[in-house]
Amino acid sequence: MQRVATPRRAAAAGCLALLLLASCSPQENTAREDPARQDPARQDPAREKGAPPRPARPEPPAVLDRAALARVKGTEAQRKRLHLAQEQLVARCMTVRGFRYRPSPWFVPRTPGEDDPRRGDEVERRREDGYEAAANLRKAQLPADPNAAYVNSLTAARRTSYTAALFGTLGHKVKAELPDGSETYMYADGCNARALNRLYGDLAVWMRAQMVATNLDTEIDRRILEDKRVKALDAPWSRCMAAAGHRYRSTSAARSAVFDGYDKALRKKSARGEATAKRRETAVAVADATCDASVGRARLVRSLDHHYREQVAADRSREIATYQSLRAKALLRVAGEEDGSRRG
């Protein structure tokens, strides 16, 4: 499990999923580090017989269009294969440390994504779907944790040791600085980190590359919306909304307010409250799109799109190439080990 914190808010850092798992509570004084000769997830795959050849370093894309973003992230089959390989390494490592661990299944939540500012002026879509608040707020059903019953059966002391064995201990922190100045980190002595090290090599290099490469679309949108020409349209958009009876400073503020209201209605489990929230959502969303079209916000966003896709591709080319290269090597390594197992 990988964490991210800004330099000034490290104490408030939350956990971000890095391909698996749900808990993040490493303990400082438990689970001593296993020697490399005993820990399958720590052994150097380069020392093994039949190590796969190194793949050619891929060329990063010049423009991060949707097809290029998909290529950077890899196919779902590739992601699943690496996830399952990582989980098997974690399981072997935990067995060595005296714990049972059942690999977590591959899971891709099918939930709506963030609102696309390029489509902000589609009035009829807003009239039909609003902001899709209900679909976004109702969380996808996660698969059951295959280790929950086992962990709950352990004594408190053993659970503490289990957590430390899986996630690592505070004295083994590995950090990587991200381009926005925040910091991502893991605990290198945990089985999660050992598995990632076995698959991808240097943890700090992998963490930076992975965090950057898997959030490229978010960075593109953020740069577009921070463009001063786009931000300058907030004032006329806000005046247009006020004339329609909705007082918000920006489209993101309107959307957040609608989501907050819908969330409260869902928590109360009131059909009447949900119906009221839905009517308000539709009214605000339609006015939002109407005012967006009036001031030309989405049109401007679409005109800037290619520029920022090129800019992010250039600025993040090193991390993209590193991420693609490490994943390609990991896939070859996994294929080689699978082939060796079949022959063995």
Protein backbone atom coordinates (compact mmCIF):
# COMPACT_ATOMS: atom_id res chain seq x y z
CA MET A 1 0.00 0.00 0.00
CA GLN A 2 1.27 3.41 -0.94
CA ARG A 3 0.63 6.71 0.82
CA VAL A 4 0.73 10.28 -0.39
CA ALA A 5 1.28 13.41 1.69
CA THR A 6 2.09 17.04 0.99
CA PRO A 7 5.24 18.27 2.74
CA ARG A 8 3.20 20.50 5.08
CA ARG A 9 0.40 18.06 5.70
CA ALA A 10 2.13 14.77 6.27
CA ALA A 11 0.09 14.13 9.39
CA ALA A 12 -3.11 14.31 7.40
CA ALA A 13 -2.00 11.99 4.63
CA GLY A 14 -4.46 9.37 3.49
CA CYS A 15 -3.90 6.00 1.92
CA LEU A 16 -4.02 5.49 -1.84
CA ALA A 17 -4.48 2.05 -3.29
CA LEU A 18 -1.51 0.73 -5.27
CA LEU A 19 -3.09 -2.16 -7.10
CA LEU A 20 -4.47 -3.82 -3.98
CA LEU A 21 -5.74 -4.02 -0.45
CA ALA A 22 -7.70 -1.83 1.87
CA SER A 23 -6.01 -1.28 5.24
CA CYS A 24 -3.08 0.97 6.11
CA SER A 25 -1.99 0.91 9.75
CA PRO A 26 1.68 -0.06 9.96
CA GLN A 27 3.02 -0.57 13.46
CA GLU A 28 6.47 0.38 14.54
CA ASN A 29 7.56 -2.39 16.89
CA THR A 30 6.42 -5.64 15.32
CA ALA A 31 7.34 -8.17 12.59
CA ARG A 32 11.11 -8.31 12.27
CA GLU A 33 12.51 -8.22 8.77
CA ASP A 34 13.08 -11.63 7.21
CA PRO A 35 16.43 -12.35 5.59
CA ALA A 36 16.41 -12.24 1.82
CA ARG A 37 17.29 -15.91 1.55
CA GLN A 38 14.01 -16.79 3.30
CA ASP A 39 11.69 -14.20 1.77
CA PRO A 40 10.46 -15.15 -1.72
CA ALA A 41 9.24 -11.63 -2.43
CA ARG A 42 12.66 -10.14 -1.69
CA GLN A 43 14.90 -12.44 -3.69
CA ASP A 44 16.53 -10.88 -6.74
CA PRO A 45 14.91 -12.30 -9.86
CA ALA A 46 18.02 -11.41 -11.86
CA ARG A 47 19.85 -14.19 -10.00
CA GLU A 48 17.32 -16.82 -11.07
CA LYS A 49 17.98 -19.12 -13.97
CA GLY A 50 16.14 -18.31 -17.14
CA ALA A 51 15.65 -14.62 -16.29
CA PRO A 52 13.71 -12.95 -19.13
CA PRO A 53 15.56 -10.59 -21.49
CA ARG A 54 15.16 -6.89 -21.03
CA PRO A 55 12.51 -5.37 -23.30
CA ALA A 56 13.25 -2.34 -25.46
CA ARG A 57 12.46 0.93 -23.71
CA PRO A 58 9.14 2.18 -25.15
CA GLU A 59 8.83 5.62 -26.70
CA PRO A 60 6.52 7.90 -24.68
CA PRO A 61 3.64 9.40 -26.70
CA ALA A 62 3.92 12.91 -28.13
CA VAL A 63 0.26 13.65 -27.44
CA LEU A 64 -1.74 12.05 -24.63
CA ASP A 65 -4.99 11.45 -26.46
CA ARG A 66 -7.37 8.80 -25.14
CA ALA A 67 -5.70 6.01 -27.12
CA ALA A 68 -2.26 7.01 -25.85
CA LEU A 69 -3.49 7.17 -22.25
CA ALA A 70 -4.90 3.66 -22.63
CA ARG A 71 -1.59 2.39 -24.00
CA VAL A 72 0.32 3.93 -21.10
CA LYS A 73 -1.91 2.22 -18.55
CA GLY A 74 -1.84 -1.11 -20.38
CA THR A 75 -4.65 -3.48 -21.17
CA GLU A 76 -6.97 -4.83 -18.51
CA ALA A 77 -5.53 -8.31 -19.14
CA GLN A 78 -2.01 -7.02 -18.45
CA ARG A 79 -3.09 -5.20 -15.29
CA LYS A 80 -4.88 -8.30 -14.07
CA ARG A 81 -1.85 -10.49 -14.72
CA LEU A 82 0.45 -8.19 -12.77
CA HIS A 83 -2.06 -7.87 -9.94
CA LEU A 84 -2.36 -11.64 -9.58
CA ALA A 85 1.43 -12.07 -9.73
CA GLN A 86 1.83 -9.44 -7.02
CA GLU A 87 -0.78 -11.13 -4.84
CA GLN A 88 0.95 -14.48 -5.18
CA LEU A 89 4.23 -12.92 -4.09
CA VAL A 90 2.51 -11.32 -1.09
CA ALA A 91 1.00 -14.68 -0.14
CA ARG A 92 4.35 -16.46 -0.30
CA CYS A 93 6.01 -13.72 1.74
CA MET A 94 3.29 -13.84 4.40
CA THR A 95 3.58 -17.63 4.61
CA VAL A 96 7.29 -17.31 5.33
CA ARG A 97 6.41 -14.86 8.10
CA GLY A 98 4.02 -17.28 9.69
CA PHE A 99 0.66 -15.95 8.46
CA ARG A 100 -2.00 -17.19 6.11
CA TYR A 101 -2.82 -14.90 3.21
CA ARG A 102 -5.31 -15.54 0.44
CA PRO A 103 -4.69 -13.44 -2.70
CA SER A 104 -7.22 -10.69 -3.29
CA PRO A 105 -9.17 -11.17 -6.54
CA TRP A 106 -8.81 -8.82 -9.48
CA PHE A 107 -11.51 -6.20 -9.39
CA VAL A 108 -12.30 -3.20 -11.60
CA PRO A 109 -15.11 -0.99 -10.23
CA ARG A 110 -17.57 0.02 -12.92
CA THR A 111 -18.50 3.49 -11.70
CA PRO A 112 -18.93 6.82 -13.55
CA GLY A 113 -15.84 8.96 -13.76
CA GLU A 114 -15.32 12.62 -12.99
CA ASP A 115 -17.30 15.17 -14.94
CA ASP A 116 -15.69 16.03 -18.27
CA PRO A 117 -15.35 19.83 -18.71
CA ARG A 118 -15.21 19.35 -22.49
CA ARG A 119 -18.89 18.33 -22.37
CA GLY A 120 -20.02 21.01 -19.94
CA ASP A 121 -22.30 22.70 -22.46
CA GLU A 122 -24.40 19.62 -23.33
CA VAL A 123 -27.76 20.84 -22.05
CA GLU A 124 -29.82 17.83 -23.09
CA ARG A 125 -27.37 15.43 -21.46
CA ARG A 126 -27.66 17.40 -18.23
CA ARG A 127 -31.43 17.37 -18.52
CA GLU A 128 -31.34 13.58 -18.85
CA ASP A 129 -28.55 12.64 -16.42
CA GLY A 130 -27.86 15.71 -14.29
CA TYR A 131 -24.41 15.28 -12.76
CA GLU A 132 -24.97 11.52 -12.30
CA ALA A 133 -24.76 12.17 -8.60
CA ALA A 134 -26.60 9.04 -7.47
CA ALA A 135 -24.41 6.76 -9.61
CA ASN A 136 -21.25 8.43 -8.33
CA LEU A 137 -22.29 8.41 -4.68
CA ARG A 138 -23.51 4.83 -4.57
CA LYS A 139 -20.28 2.96 -4.18
CA ALA A 140 -19.60 -0.09 -6.30
CA GLN A 141 -19.96 -3.34 -4.39
CA LEU A 142 -16.46 -4.44 -3.47
CA PRO A 143 -15.59 -8.13 -3.40
CA ALA A 144 -15.40 -9.66 0.06
CA ASP A 145 -11.97 -9.50 1.69
CA PRO A 146 -10.71 -13.10 1.53
CA ASN A 147 -8.56 -12.53 4.62
CA ALA A 148 -11.06 -10.76 6.88
CA ALA A 149 -12.25 -13.85 8.77
CA TYR A 150 -8.71 -15.07 9.35
CA VAL A 151 -7.46 -11.68 10.57
CA ASN A 152 -10.44 -11.32 12.91
CA SER A 153 -9.67 -14.73 14.38
CA LEU A 154 -6.19 -13.62 15.48
CA THR A 155 -5.40 -12.25 18.91
CA ALA A 156 -4.83 -8.50 19.14
CA ALA A 157 -1.08 -9.01 19.30
CA ARG A 158 -1.09 -11.31 16.29
CA ARG A 159 -3.24 -8.86 14.32
CA THR A 160 -0.67 -6.16 15.03
CA SER A 161 2.08 -8.46 13.79
CA TYR A 162 0.03 -9.38 10.73
CA THR A 163 -0.43 -5.72 9.82
CA ALA A 164 3.26 -5.03 10.23
CA ALA A 165 4.19 -8.09 8.18
CA LEU A 166 1.88 -7.06 5.36
CA PHE A 167 2.32 -3.27 5.29
CA GLY A 168 5.72 -2.82 6.94
CA THR A 169 7.02 -0.82 9.87
CA LEU A 170 7.78 2.86 10.37
CA GLY A 171 11.54 2.40 10.48
CA HIS A 172 11.62 1.24 6.85
CA LYS A 173 9.94 4.14 5.10
CA VAL A 174 10.78 4.67 1.43
CA LYS A 175 9.76 8.04 -0.04
CA ALA A 176 9.38 9.43 -3.53
CA GLU A 177 8.67 13.06 -4.37
CA LEU A 178 5.94 13.71 -6.92
CA PRO A 179 5.97 16.53 -9.50
CA ASP A 180 3.37 18.57 -7.58
CA GLY A 181 5.58 18.65 -4.47
CA SER A 182 3.65 16.01 -2.56
CA GLU A 183 5.29 12.85 -1.32
CA THR A 184 4.36 9.20 -1.74
CA TYR A 185 5.75 6.52 0.50
CA MET A 186 5.67 2.88 1.54
CA TYR A 187 7.33 0.71 4.17
CA ALA A 188 9.95 -1.43 2.47
CA ASP A 189 9.91 -4.34 4.93
CA GLY A 190 6.23 -5.15 4.35
CA CYS A 191 5.21 -8.00 2.06
CA ASN A 192 3.32 -5.56 -0.16
CA ALA A 193 6.47 -3.56 -0.79
CA ARG A 194 8.60 -6.69 -1.16
CA ALA A 195 6.25 -7.96 -3.86
CA LEU A 196 6.42 -4.64 -5.73
CA ASN A 197 10.21 -4.62 -5.42
CA ARG A 198 10.35 -8.12 -6.88
CA LEU A 199 8.17 -7.13 -9.81
CA TYR A 200 9.37 -3.62 -10.58
CA GLY A 201 12.69 -3.05 -8.82
CA ASP A 202 13.54 0.19 -6.98
CA LEU A 203 10.47 1.18 -4.95
CA ALA A 204 11.02 4.93 -5.08
CA VAL A 205 11.42 4.89 -8.86
CA TRP A 206 8.32 2.71 -9.27
CA MET A 207 6.16 4.78 -6.90
CA ARG A 208 6.88 8.05 -8.68
CA ALA A 209 6.40 6.55 -12.14
CA GLN A 210 3.20 4.73 -11.17
CA MET A 211 1.58 7.69 -9.45
CA VAL A 212 2.37 10.03 -12.35
CA ALA A 213 1.47 7.63 -15.18
CA THR A 214 -1.86 6.52 -13.75
CA ASN A 215 -3.04 10.10 -13.10
CA LEU A 216 -2.17 11.72 -16.42
CA ASP A 217 -5.78 12.36 -17.45
CA THR A 218 -6.41 14.07 -14.12
CA GLU A 219 -3.35 16.26 -14.60
CA ILE A 220 -4.44 17.26 -18.10
CA ASP A 221 -7.87 18.33 -16.82
CA ARG A 222 -6.33 20.18 -13.89
CA ARG A 223 -4.02 22.20 -16.13
CA ILE A 224 -6.86 23.11 -18.48
CA LEU A 225 -9.10 24.27 -15.65
CA GLU A 226 -6.27 26.28 -14.10
CA ASP A 227 -5.66 28.14 -17.38
CA LYS A 228 -6.34 31.81 -16.70
CA ARG A 229 -8.58 32.05 -19.76
CA VAL A 230 -10.83 29.30 -18.41
CA LYS A 231 -10.84 30.73 -14.88
CA ALA A 232 -11.77 34.16 -16.28
CA LEU A 233 -15.12 32.69 -17.36
CA ASP A 234 -16.14 31.84 -13.79
CA ALA A 235 -17.45 35.39 -13.19
CA PRO A 236 -19.76 35.63 -16.23
CA TRP A 237 -20.89 32.03 -15.67
CA SER A 238 -21.71 32.88 -12.04
CA ARG A 239 -23.74 35.93 -13.08
CA CYS A 240 -25.66 33.80 -15.57
CA MET A 241 -26.40 31.21 -12.88
CA ALA A 242 -27.54 33.88 -10.42
CA ALA A 243 -30.00 35.18 -13.01
CA ALA A 244 -31.40 31.63 -13.19
CA GLY A 245 -31.75 31.51 -9.39
CA HIS A 246 -28.59 29.55 -8.53
CA ARG A 247 -25.78 31.33 -6.68
CA TYR A 248 -22.43 29.57 -7.14
CA ARG A 249 -18.96 30.92 -7.84
CA SER A 250 -17.99 28.15 -10.26
CA THR A 251 -19.27 25.01 -11.92
CA SER A 252 -17.25 22.87 -9.52
CA ALA A 253 -18.89 24.66 -6.58
CA ALA A 254 -22.34 23.98 -8.04
CA ARG A 255 -21.55 20.33 -8.59
CA SER A 256 -20.12 19.94 -5.07
CA ALA A 257 -23.21 21.52 -3.52
CA VAL A 258 -25.49 19.19 -5.45
CA PHE A 259 -23.44 16.16 -4.43
CA ASP A 260 -23.51 17.22 -0.78
CA GLY A 261 -27.28 17.54 -0.86
CA TYR A 262 -27.72 14.22 -2.60
CA ASP A 263 -25.36 12.52 -0.17
CA LYS A 264 -27.40 13.74 2.80
CA ALA A 265 -30.58 12.42 1.19
CA LEU A 266 -29.01 9.02 0.54
CA ARG A 267 -27.79 8.78 4.12
CA LYS A 268 -31.31 9.43 5.43
CA LYS A 269 -32.65 6.72 3.11
CA SER A 270 -35.70 8.84 2.34
CA ALA A 271 -37.37 8.33 -1.03
CA ARG A 272 -38.92 11.80 -0.80
CA GLY A 273 -35.56 13.33 0.08
CA GLU A 274 -33.88 11.59 -2.86
CA ALA A 275 -36.61 12.77 -5.24
CA THR A 276 -36.15 16.35 -4.02
CA ALA A 277 -32.37 16.07 -4.38
CA LYS A 278 -32.79 14.72 -7.91
CA ARG A 279 -35.04 17.61 -8.97
CA ARG A 280 -32.55 20.11 -7.56
CA GLU A 281 -29.70 18.31 -9.30
CA THR A 282 -31.45 18.46 -12.66
CA ALA A 283 -32.32 22.15 -12.27
CA VAL A 284 -28.77 23.14 -11.31
CA ALA A 285 -27.13 20.92 -13.92
CA VAL A 286 -29.30 22.23 -16.76
CA ALA A 287 -28.66 25.83 -15.72
CA ASP A 288 -24.94 25.02 -15.45
CA ALA A 289 -24.82 23.66 -19.00
CA THR A 290 -26.95 26.53 -20.34
CA CYS A 291 -24.66 29.14 -18.79
CA ASP A 292 -21.57 27.18 -19.87
CA ALA A 293 -22.79 27.34 -23.47
CA SER A 294 -23.62 31.02 -23.08
CA VAL A 295 -20.14 32.05 -21.91
CA GLY A 296 -18.28 29.52 -24.10
CA ARG A 297 -16.48 27.67 -21.32
CA ALA A 298 -16.62 24.13 -22.78
CA ARG A 299 -15.78 25.49 -26.23
CA LEU A 300 -12.66 27.09 -24.80
CA VAL A 301 -11.75 23.91 -22.91
CA ARG A 302 -12.02 21.87 -26.11
CA SER A 303 -9.83 24.38 -27.95
CA LEU A 304 -7.12 24.07 -25.27
CA ASP A 305 -7.30 20.30 -24.98
CA HIS A 306 -4.67 19.35 -27.57
CA HIS A 307 -2.17 21.90 -26.24
CA TYR A 308 -2.28 20.52 -22.71
CA ARG A 309 -2.21 16.92 -23.87
CA GLU A 310 1.04 17.75 -25.67
CA GLN A 311 2.38 19.69 -22.69
CA VAL A 312 1.73 16.94 -20.15
CA ALA A 313 3.16 14.34 -22.54
CA ALA A 314 6.39 16.36 -22.76
CA ASP A 315 6.59 17.22 -19.06
CA ARG A 316 5.94 13.65 -17.91
CA SER A 317 7.76 11.77 -20.68
CA ARG A 318 10.42 10.45 -18.32
CA GLU A 319 7.93 9.03 -15.83
CA ILE A 320 5.77 7.61 -18.63
CA ALA A 321 8.72 5.85 -20.24
CA THR A 322 9.88 4.53 -16.87
CA TYR A 323 6.42 3.22 -16.01
CA GLN A 324 5.98 1.50 -19.36
CA SER A 325 9.46 0.00 -19.21
CA LEU A 326 9.06 -1.34 -15.67
CA ARG A 327 5.67 -2.83 -16.47
CA ALA A 328 7.00 -4.46 -19.65
CA LYS A 329 9.90 -5.99 -17.73
CA ALA A 330 7.54 -7.21 -15.02
CA LEU A 331 5.26 -8.85 -17.59
CA LEU A 332 8.24 -10.62 -19.17
CA ARG A 333 9.41 -11.72 -15.75
CA VAL A 334 6.00 -13.09 -14.87
CA ALA A 335 5.76 -14.90 -18.22
CA GLY A 336 9.21 -16.40 -17.70
CA GLU A 337 8.36 -17.64 -14.24
CA GLU A 338 5.06 -19.10 -15.45
CA ASP A 339 6.88 -20.88 -18.27
CA GLY A 340 9.46 -22.20 -15.82
CA SER A 341 6.73 -23.51 -13.55
CA ARG A 342 5.08 -25.35 -16.43
CA ARG A 343 8.36 -26.97 -17.45
CA GLY A 344 9.40 -27.68 -13.88
